Amino acid sequence: MLKIGILGDGFVQWGGGLDFLRTICASLGATSTPMELHFLLPGTGPRATLHAAVQKLKLDVRAMVGTQVSSHAPNAADIERAIAGYDVPTICHRIDIGDRAVATAFRRVGLHIVLPSFKPLPFGADMPWLGYLYDFQHRHLPHFFSQPERDARDKAFGKMLKEAPGVIVNARAVASDIAQFYPDARARVFALPFSTAPSPAWLELDSSVARQRYGIPADYFIVCNQFWQHKDHATAFAAFAAFSQRYPTVHLVCTGATSDYRSADYFKGLMQQLERDGVTNRVHILGLIPKNDQIALLRGAIGLLQPTLNEGGPGGGSVYDSVALGISSIVSDIAVNREIQGEETVSFFRAQDPASLLAAMTALMQAPPRIQFSSSELLHQGKKRRERCGNMLLDAIAQIGIEP
């Protein structure tokens, strides 16, 4: 039986990374290949204890000098729920941080391979591994990064593509970027297909309960993105302000962390935009909320708005969730998002064009009611997507020499 180690380090520290690991686990579990999944969760041991102490000290210092402090890291309960969210048998192992702890767990558990690794691992052929690269935002949107940040990413990506036997990416667009920016890359690159699926528990969530909890009216669009500059909330807010003139009873809900380390004033500027446009009382900024609450609100929305300018996977995590649930999504037409094909709930608008987004929102409001997918149909569609992704992962494992 194939024993696969799922590496948590670098992913469990943020919600989107945890969602990606959930996709990996669920996709592998959707295949017909017998396997055991072993989740290697960093956080226990002397190195982890020291690291946590250092991070706490940094946060305390920042708080003392008045710097905004926020954490995007899911807590232990969030991680446990995410691991179990698709009923995929997964054994969780608490380990220390660092390569040595991974190697120890590899041998102790008798793993055949570990994946996906956020950084190159100093392992030989006796401990196979697959790396992961997220996106090339620093190349496509360089003005959002300092020169040292751009240089550091270029160096880290080059090292991964030189040392990894294989690298997983979440979109063909990222694979194309690798071919363009690193034509001499040694690593094999494996682009995963769009592979969203609902957790069965999501289909039982009551949106009315979540609406009551957060004071949300019956009719609303939703944006589920962190307030980072590349997510382009400004376009969504401008479109909504114009939309509100015709549909004054429709509101906008926003979930996600409200800070961007690259621009301390970015969120403040967005709030000023809402105030200038006179729609502050119709836009609900909820910040980071529990995943189940976010999903419940998504289920009750007229549609999801995704104005992003860059993603590592088609549509980003929010569109993965909306498609999985059969919820209408209006998505910016950047290349990576255009990889979403054959999904009748997805429409596109011109990126950074509020008028185009307004037209798409209006068209959705005026369209006849769409036939709702049953829970069984959503689960069936999701299983097919997951199986495709799982088989791609198994093919990547096989191509670096590990046979199921």
Protein backbone atom coordinates (compact mmCIF):
# COMPACT_ATOMS: atom_id res chain seq x y z
CA MET A 1 0.00 0.00 0.00
CA LEU A 2 1.25 3.45 -0.97
CA LYS A 3 2.09 5.60 2.07
CA ILE A 4 2.08 9.33 1.29
CA GLY A 5 3.23 12.02 3.71
CA ILE A 6 1.38 15.35 3.41
CA LEU A 7 3.63 18.22 4.53
CA GLY A 8 1.87 20.87 6.56
CA ASP A 9 4.79 23.27 7.02
CA GLY A 10 4.32 26.45 4.98
CA PHE A 11 0.66 25.67 4.31
CA VAL A 12 -1.09 25.41 7.68
CA GLN A 13 0.06 28.92 8.57
CA TRP A 14 -2.61 30.46 6.31
CA GLY A 15 -6.16 29.58 5.35
CA GLY A 16 -5.55 29.30 1.60
CA GLY A 17 -2.68 26.89 2.16
CA LEU A 18 -4.83 24.72 4.37
CA ASP A 19 -7.52 24.65 1.68
CA PHE A 20 -4.89 23.53 -0.83
CA LEU A 21 -3.78 20.65 1.40
CA ARG A 22 -7.40 19.67 1.79
CA THR A 23 -7.64 19.49 -2.02
CA ILE A 24 -4.52 17.31 -2.16
CA CYS A 25 -5.81 14.90 0.48
CA ALA A 26 -9.32 14.70 -0.92
CA SER A 27 -8.08 14.20 -4.49
CA LEU A 28 -5.74 11.38 -3.56
CA GLY A 29 -8.53 9.82 -1.52
CA ALA A 30 -10.90 9.98 -4.52
CA THR A 31 -8.75 7.60 -6.59
CA SER A 32 -9.06 3.82 -6.61
CA THR A 33 -5.43 3.32 -5.54
CA PRO A 34 -5.06 1.85 -2.03
CA MET A 35 -3.07 4.27 0.11
CA GLU A 36 -2.51 5.74 3.53
CA LEU A 37 -2.26 9.49 3.97
CA HIS A 38 -0.10 10.75 6.82
CA PHE A 39 -0.40 14.44 7.66
CA LEU A 40 2.87 15.81 9.08
CA LEU A 41 1.82 18.78 11.18
CA PRO A 42 4.66 20.94 12.53
CA GLY A 43 4.38 22.50 15.95
CA THR A 44 5.64 20.03 18.56
CA GLY A 45 9.28 19.90 19.69
CA PRO A 46 12.15 22.16 20.76
CA ARG A 47 12.60 23.94 17.43
CA ALA A 48 8.87 24.61 17.16
CA THR A 49 8.76 25.91 20.72
CA LEU A 50 11.66 28.28 20.09
CA HIS A 51 10.15 29.45 16.81
CA ALA A 52 6.81 30.17 18.49
CA ALA A 53 8.53 32.15 21.23
CA VAL A 54 10.44 34.25 18.70
CA GLN A 55 7.28 34.92 16.68
CA LYS A 56 5.39 35.96 19.81
CA LEU A 57 8.20 38.33 20.75
CA LYS A 58 8.08 39.91 17.29
CA LEU A 59 4.31 40.39 17.54
CA ASP A 60 4.64 41.88 21.02
CA VAL A 61 7.26 44.35 19.80
CA ARG A 62 5.11 45.35 16.82
CA ALA A 63 2.11 45.85 19.10
CA MET A 64 4.17 48.02 21.45
CA VAL A 65 5.20 50.37 18.65
CA GLY A 66 1.64 50.58 17.35
CA THR A 67 2.04 48.44 14.23
CA GLN A 68 -1.11 46.64 13.14
CA VAL A 69 -0.90 42.97 14.06
CA SER A 70 -3.04 40.20 12.61
CA SER A 71 -2.70 36.47 12.25
CA HIS A 72 -3.87 34.48 9.26
CA ALA A 73 -2.92 31.18 10.80
CA PRO A 74 -5.73 28.67 11.43
CA ASN A 75 -5.79 27.23 14.91
CA ALA A 76 -5.41 23.55 15.70
CA ALA A 77 -9.16 22.96 15.57
CA ASP A 78 -9.35 24.52 12.08
CA ILE A 79 -6.59 22.21 10.92
CA GLU A 80 -8.23 19.11 12.33
CA ARG A 81 -11.54 20.01 10.68
CA ALA A 82 -9.86 20.65 7.35
CA ILE A 83 -8.06 17.32 7.43
CA ALA A 84 -11.28 15.45 8.20
CA GLY A 85 -13.49 17.58 5.95
CA TYR A 86 -13.85 15.06 3.15
CA ASP A 87 -13.95 11.84 5.16
CA VAL A 88 -10.57 10.83 3.72
CA PRO A 89 -8.75 8.56 6.19
CA THR A 90 -5.73 10.60 7.25
CA ILE A 91 -3.40 9.96 10.15
CA CYS A 92 -2.08 13.12 11.77
CA HIS A 93 1.48 13.18 13.18
CA ARG A 94 2.61 16.13 15.32
CA ILE A 95 6.27 16.77 14.53
CA ASP A 96 8.90 19.42 15.09
CA ILE A 97 9.71 21.98 12.42
CA GLY A 98 12.72 21.46 10.15
CA ASP A 99 14.03 18.95 7.63
CA ARG A 100 15.40 16.60 10.27
CA ALA A 101 11.94 16.14 11.81
CA VAL A 102 10.46 15.36 8.38
CA ALA A 103 13.20 12.80 7.69
CA THR A 104 12.63 11.16 11.08
CA ALA A 105 8.89 10.90 10.43
CA PHE A 106 9.54 9.58 6.91
CA ARG A 107 11.55 6.65 8.26
CA ARG A 108 9.42 6.02 11.34
CA VAL A 109 6.14 5.83 9.43
CA GLY A 110 7.65 4.04 6.44
CA LEU A 111 6.54 6.61 3.88
CA HIS A 112 7.13 6.21 0.16
CA ILE A 113 7.04 9.94 -0.62
CA VAL A 114 6.29 13.34 0.97
CA LEU A 115 4.51 16.23 -0.74
CA PRO A 116 3.99 19.09 -1.35
CA SER A 117 7.08 20.83 0.01
CA PHE A 118 7.17 24.62 0.23
CA LYS A 119 10.99 24.57 0.10
CA PRO A 120 13.67 22.25 -1.31
CA LEU A 121 14.37 19.25 0.90
CA PRO A 122 17.94 17.94 1.30
CA PHE A 123 16.87 14.34 0.73
CA GLY A 124 18.29 11.77 -1.66
CA ALA A 125 16.49 9.14 -3.70
CA ASP A 126 15.87 7.12 -0.53
CA MET A 127 13.33 9.75 0.59
CA PRO A 128 11.47 10.99 -2.52
CA TRP A 129 9.56 14.27 -2.43
CA LEU A 130 7.62 16.68 -4.61
CA GLY A 131 7.92 20.45 -4.30
CA TYR A 132 5.33 23.18 -4.76
CA LEU A 133 5.39 26.66 -6.32
CA TYR A 134 2.43 28.97 -5.79
CA ASP A 135 2.49 31.79 -8.38
CA PHE A 136 4.55 34.49 -10.09
CA GLN A 137 2.71 37.52 -8.78
CA HIS A 138 6.05 39.23 -8.14
CA ARG A 139 6.78 39.03 -11.89
CA HIS A 140 3.33 40.03 -13.16
CA LEU A 141 2.63 42.70 -10.53
CA PRO A 142 6.13 43.81 -9.47
CA HIS A 143 4.89 47.15 -8.10
CA PHE A 144 3.32 45.29 -5.18
CA PHE A 145 6.74 44.07 -4.00
CA SER A 146 10.03 45.57 -2.93
CA GLN A 147 13.13 44.72 -4.92
CA PRO A 148 14.52 42.52 -2.10
CA GLU A 149 11.23 40.58 -2.04
CA ARG A 150 11.32 40.04 -5.79
CA ASP A 151 14.94 38.92 -5.65
CA ALA A 152 14.22 36.54 -2.77
CA ARG A 153 11.33 34.91 -4.61
CA ASP A 154 13.35 34.53 -7.79
CA LYS A 155 16.16 32.89 -5.84
CA ALA A 156 13.84 30.56 -3.92
CA PHE A 157 11.94 29.50 -7.05
CA GLY A 158 15.17 28.89 -8.95
CA LYS A 159 16.51 26.74 -6.14
CA MET A 160 13.31 24.67 -6.04
CA LEU A 161 13.30 24.13 -9.81
CA LYS A 162 16.95 23.08 -9.69
CA GLU A 163 16.78 20.68 -6.75
CA ALA A 164 13.28 19.16 -6.74
CA PRO A 165 12.68 15.95 -8.74
CA GLY A 166 9.22 17.28 -9.48
CA VAL A 167 7.14 20.38 -8.72
CA ILE A 168 3.38 20.65 -8.34
CA VAL A 169 1.63 23.83 -9.47
CA ASN A 170 -2.04 24.66 -9.28
CA ALA A 171 -2.58 25.94 -12.82
CA ARG A 172 -1.31 25.64 -16.37
CA ALA A 173 -0.63 29.39 -16.27
CA VAL A 174 1.95 28.85 -13.52
CA ALA A 175 3.56 26.03 -15.50
CA SER A 176 3.74 28.39 -18.48
CA ASP A 177 5.42 31.03 -16.31
CA ILE A 178 8.02 28.49 -15.20
CA ALA A 179 8.79 27.64 -18.82
CA GLN A 180 9.15 31.35 -19.61
CA PHE A 181 11.13 32.52 -16.58
CA TYR A 182 13.16 29.34 -15.92
CA PRO A 183 13.72 27.66 -19.30
CA ASP A 184 16.59 25.60 -17.86
CA ALA A 185 14.59 24.22 -14.92
CA ARG A 186 15.52 20.63 -14.09
CA ALA A 187 12.39 19.72 -12.15
CA ARG A 188 9.44 18.10 -13.86
CA VAL A 189 6.39 20.36 -13.55
CA PHE A 190 2.93 18.95 -12.94
CA ALA A 191 -0.06 21.31 -13.34
CA LEU A 192 -3.10 20.15 -11.42
CA PRO A 193 -6.54 20.43 -13.04
CA PHE A 194 -9.36 22.53 -11.58
CA SER A 195 -10.54 20.12 -8.94
CA THR A 196 -13.03 21.57 -6.53
CA ALA A 197 -15.55 19.55 -4.53
CA PRO A 198 -17.79 20.28 -1.56
CA SER A 199 -17.35 18.78 1.83
CA PRO A 200 -20.56 16.86 2.59
CA ALA A 201 -20.86 18.86 5.82
CA TRP A 202 -20.99 22.12 3.83
CA LEU A 203 -24.25 21.06 2.19
CA GLU A 204 -25.93 20.91 5.59
CA LEU A 205 -25.03 24.46 6.61
CA ASP A 206 -27.92 26.92 7.03
CA SER A 207 -27.19 30.30 5.48
CA SER A 208 -30.02 31.96 7.41
CA VAL A 209 -28.32 31.13 10.71
CA ALA A 210 -25.07 32.69 9.51
CA ARG A 211 -26.91 35.75 8.17
CA GLN A 212 -28.57 36.28 11.52
CA ARG A 213 -25.25 35.89 13.33
CA TYR A 214 -23.58 38.62 11.26
CA GLY A 215 -26.58 40.85 10.58
CA ILE A 216 -26.72 40.21 6.83
CA PRO A 217 -29.95 40.85 4.85
CA ALA A 218 -31.50 38.33 2.46
CA ASP A 219 -30.05 39.68 -0.81
CA TYR A 220 -26.30 40.12 -1.16
CA PHE A 221 -23.22 39.45 -3.25
CA ILE A 222 -20.11 38.20 -1.51
CA VAL A 223 -16.34 38.63 -1.88
CA CYS A 224 -14.22 36.06 -0.02
CA ASN A 225 -10.67 37.41 -0.33
CA GLN A 226 -8.05 38.78 1.97
CA PHE A 227 -7.75 42.53 1.57
CA TRP A 228 -4.50 42.34 -0.36
CA GLN A 229 -3.84 44.75 -3.19
CA HIS A 230 -3.82 42.14 -5.94
CA LYS A 231 -7.32 41.01 -4.96
CA ASP A 232 -8.58 44.37 -6.31
CA HIS A 233 -11.48 45.06 -3.97
CA ALA A 234 -11.49 48.59 -5.41
CA THR A 235 -13.01 47.34 -8.67
CA ALA A 236 -15.65 45.32 -6.82
CA PHE A 237 -16.53 48.32 -4.63
CA ALA A 238 -16.81 50.68 -7.60
CA ALA A 239 -19.06 48.24 -9.47
CA PHE A 240 -21.20 47.71 -6.38
CA ALA A 241 -21.62 51.45 -5.83
CA ALA A 242 -23.01 51.81 -9.35
CA PHE A 243 -25.08 48.65 -8.97
CA SER A 244 -26.63 50.00 -5.75
CA GLN A 245 -28.21 52.90 -7.59
CA ARG A 246 -30.47 50.42 -9.38
CA TYR A 247 -30.71 47.75 -6.67
CA PRO A 248 -30.64 49.64 -3.35
CA THR A 249 -31.78 46.65 -1.26
CA VAL A 250 -28.87 44.40 -2.32
CA HIS A 251 -25.83 44.40 -0.02
CA LEU A 252 -22.20 43.29 -0.35
CA VAL A 253 -20.50 40.99 2.17
CA CYS A 254 -16.70 40.74 2.43
CA THR A 255 -14.84 38.08 4.37
CA GLY A 256 -11.08 37.83 4.84
CA ALA A 257 -8.19 39.41 6.71
CA THR A 258 -8.16 43.20 6.45
CA SER A 259 -4.40 43.87 6.41
CA ASP A 260 -1.77 43.80 3.70
CA TYR A 261 1.80 43.91 5.01
CA ARG A 262 2.87 45.60 1.80
CA SER A 263 0.62 48.62 2.30
CA ALA A 264 -0.50 49.65 5.78
CA ASP A 265 -2.97 52.21 4.38
CA TYR A 266 -4.57 50.03 1.69
CA PHE A 267 -7.59 48.91 3.70
CA LYS A 268 -8.12 52.43 5.04
CA GLY A 269 -8.22 53.72 1.46
CA LEU A 270 -10.87 51.16 0.52
CA MET A 271 -13.04 52.22 3.45
CA GLN A 272 -12.70 55.83 2.32
CA GLN A 273 -13.81 54.78 -1.17
CA LEU A 274 -16.98 53.22 0.26
CA GLU A 275 -17.68 56.37 2.24
CA ARG A 276 -17.21 58.63 -0.81
CA ASP A 277 -19.60 56.46 -2.80
CA GLY A 278 -22.19 56.47 -0.04
CA VAL A 279 -22.48 52.69 0.32
CA THR A 280 -20.76 52.09 3.65
CA ASN A 281 -24.00 50.99 5.29
CA ARG A 282 -24.57 48.36 2.58
CA VAL A 283 -21.10 46.77 2.67
CA HIS A 284 -20.42 44.33 5.50
CA ILE A 285 -16.73 43.85 6.31
CA LEU A 286 -16.59 40.70 8.46
CA GLY A 287 -12.84 40.07 8.52
CA LEU A 288 -11.60 36.57 9.28
CA ILE A 289 -14.50 34.33 10.27
CA PRO A 290 -14.75 30.56 10.79
CA LYS A 291 -14.69 28.59 7.54
CA ASN A 292 -18.13 27.10 8.10
CA ASP A 293 -19.63 30.57 8.58
CA GLN A 294 -17.99 31.76 5.36
CA ILE A 295 -19.33 28.76 3.46
CA ALA A 296 -22.82 29.23 4.90
CA LEU A 297 -22.85 32.86 3.77
CA LEU A 298 -21.55 31.84 0.35
CA ARG A 299 -24.40 29.36 0.01
CA GLY A 300 -26.95 32.13 0.57
CA ALA A 301 -25.41 34.72 -1.76
CA ILE A 302 -26.78 35.89 -5.10
CA GLY A 303 -23.29 35.28 -6.39
CA LEU A 304 -19.58 35.49 -5.64
CA LEU A 305 -17.46 38.34 -7.01
CA GLN A 306 -13.80 37.55 -7.72
CA PRO A 307 -11.99 40.64 -9.07
CA THR A 308 -8.45 39.31 -8.48
CA LEU A 309 -5.49 40.35 -10.63
CA ASN A 310 -3.36 37.28 -9.90
CA GLU A 311 -3.87 33.74 -8.60
CA GLY A 312 -1.89 30.56 -8.35
CA GLY A 313 -4.97 28.47 -9.12
CA PRO A 314 -8.03 29.20 -11.29
CA GLY A 315 -10.26 31.65 -9.46
CA GLY A 316 -8.43 31.29 -6.18
CA GLY A 317 -9.89 29.54 -3.17
CA SER A 318 -13.18 31.42 -3.14
CA VAL A 319 -14.13 30.30 -6.66
CA TYR A 320 -13.14 26.74 -5.81
CA ASP A 321 -15.70 26.92 -3.01
CA SER A 322 -18.44 28.65 -5.01
CA VAL A 323 -18.20 26.22 -7.94
CA ALA A 324 -18.19 23.29 -5.54
CA LEU A 325 -21.45 24.57 -4.06
CA GLY A 326 -23.10 25.43 -7.39
CA ILE A 327 -23.12 29.17 -6.58
CA SER A 328 -22.89 31.71 -9.40
CA SER A 329 -19.45 33.33 -9.71
CA ILE A 330 -18.40 36.45 -11.62
CA VAL A 331 -14.66 36.20 -12.17
CA SER A 332 -11.98 38.47 -13.64
CA ASP A 333 -10.82 37.29 -17.06
CA ILE A 334 -7.09 36.92 -16.31
CA ALA A 335 -5.42 33.93 -17.95
CA VAL A 336 -5.31 31.67 -14.91
CA ASN A 337 -9.03 32.17 -14.26
CA ARG A 338 -9.86 31.31 -17.86
CA GLU A 339 -8.71 27.78 -17.10
CA ILE A 340 -12.13 27.31 -15.51
CA GLN A 341 -13.97 25.75 -18.41
CA GLY A 342 -17.31 23.99 -18.74
CA GLU A 343 -18.70 25.34 -15.46
CA GLU A 344 -22.11 26.87 -16.14
CA THR A 345 -22.13 28.82 -12.87
CA VAL A 346 -19.04 30.87 -13.85
CA SER A 347 -19.06 34.05 -15.95
CA PHE A 348 -16.23 36.50 -16.63
CA PHE A 349 -15.70 40.25 -16.72
CA ARG A 350 -12.77 42.39 -17.87
CA ALA A 351 -10.24 42.68 -15.05
CA GLN A 352 -9.97 46.16 -13.44
CA ASP A 353 -13.10 47.29 -15.30
CA PRO A 354 -15.95 48.24 -12.91
CA ALA A 355 -18.35 48.82 -15.81
CA SER A 356 -17.78 45.28 -17.08
CA LEU A 357 -18.33 43.85 -13.60
CA LEU A 358 -21.46 45.98 -13.18
CA ALA A 359 -22.85 44.58 -16.43
CA ALA A 360 -22.18 41.03 -15.28
CA MET A 361 -23.83 41.64 -11.89
CA THR A 362 -26.87 43.19 -13.58
CA ALA A 363 -27.12 40.29 -16.03
CA LEU A 364 -27.09 37.83 -13.14
CA MET A 365 -29.85 39.75 -11.35
CA GLN A 366 -32.00 39.83 -14.48
CA ALA A 367 -31.42 36.21 -15.51
CA PRO A 368 -34.20 33.70 -14.89
CA PRO A 369 -33.70 31.55 -11.80
CA ARG A 370 -31.14 28.85 -12.47
CA ILE A 371 -31.96 25.22 -11.73
CA GLN A 372 -30.41 24.38 -8.37
CA PHE A 373 -28.07 21.42 -8.15
CA SER A 374 -29.02 18.75 -5.65
CA SER A 375 -26.56 17.79 -2.95
CA SER A 376 -26.02 14.40 -4.57
CA GLU A 377 -25.24 16.02 -7.92
CA LEU A 378 -22.77 18.47 -6.38
CA LEU A 379 -21.03 15.62 -4.58
CA HIS A 380 -20.92 13.55 -7.78
CA GLN A 381 -19.47 16.41 -9.84
CA GLY A 382 -16.93 17.10 -7.14
CA LYS A 383 -15.85 13.48 -6.94
CA LYS A 384 -15.16 13.41 -10.68
CA ARG A 385 -13.03 16.57 -10.44
CA ARG A 386 -11.16 15.24 -7.41
CA GLU A 387 -10.49 11.91 -9.10
CA ARG A 388 -8.92 13.68 -12.10
CA CYS A 389 -6.68 15.66 -9.78
CA GLY A 390 -5.80 12.60 -7.70
CA ASN A 391 -4.80 10.63 -10.77
CA MET A 392 -2.62 13.54 -11.89
CA LEU A 393 -0.88 13.46 -8.51
CA LEU A 394 -0.38 9.70 -8.76
CA ASP A 395 1.07 10.19 -12.24
CA ALA A 396 3.50 12.78 -10.86
CA ILE A 397 4.50 10.33 -8.11
CA ALA A 398 5.01 7.59 -10.67
CA GLN A 399 7.09 9.81 -12.96
CA ILE A 400 9.67 10.41 -10.25
CA GLY A 401 9.99 6.68 -9.74
CA ILE A 402 7.40 5.69 -7.10
CA GLU A 403 4.96 3.07 -8.30
CA PRO A 404 1.60 2.66 -6.51
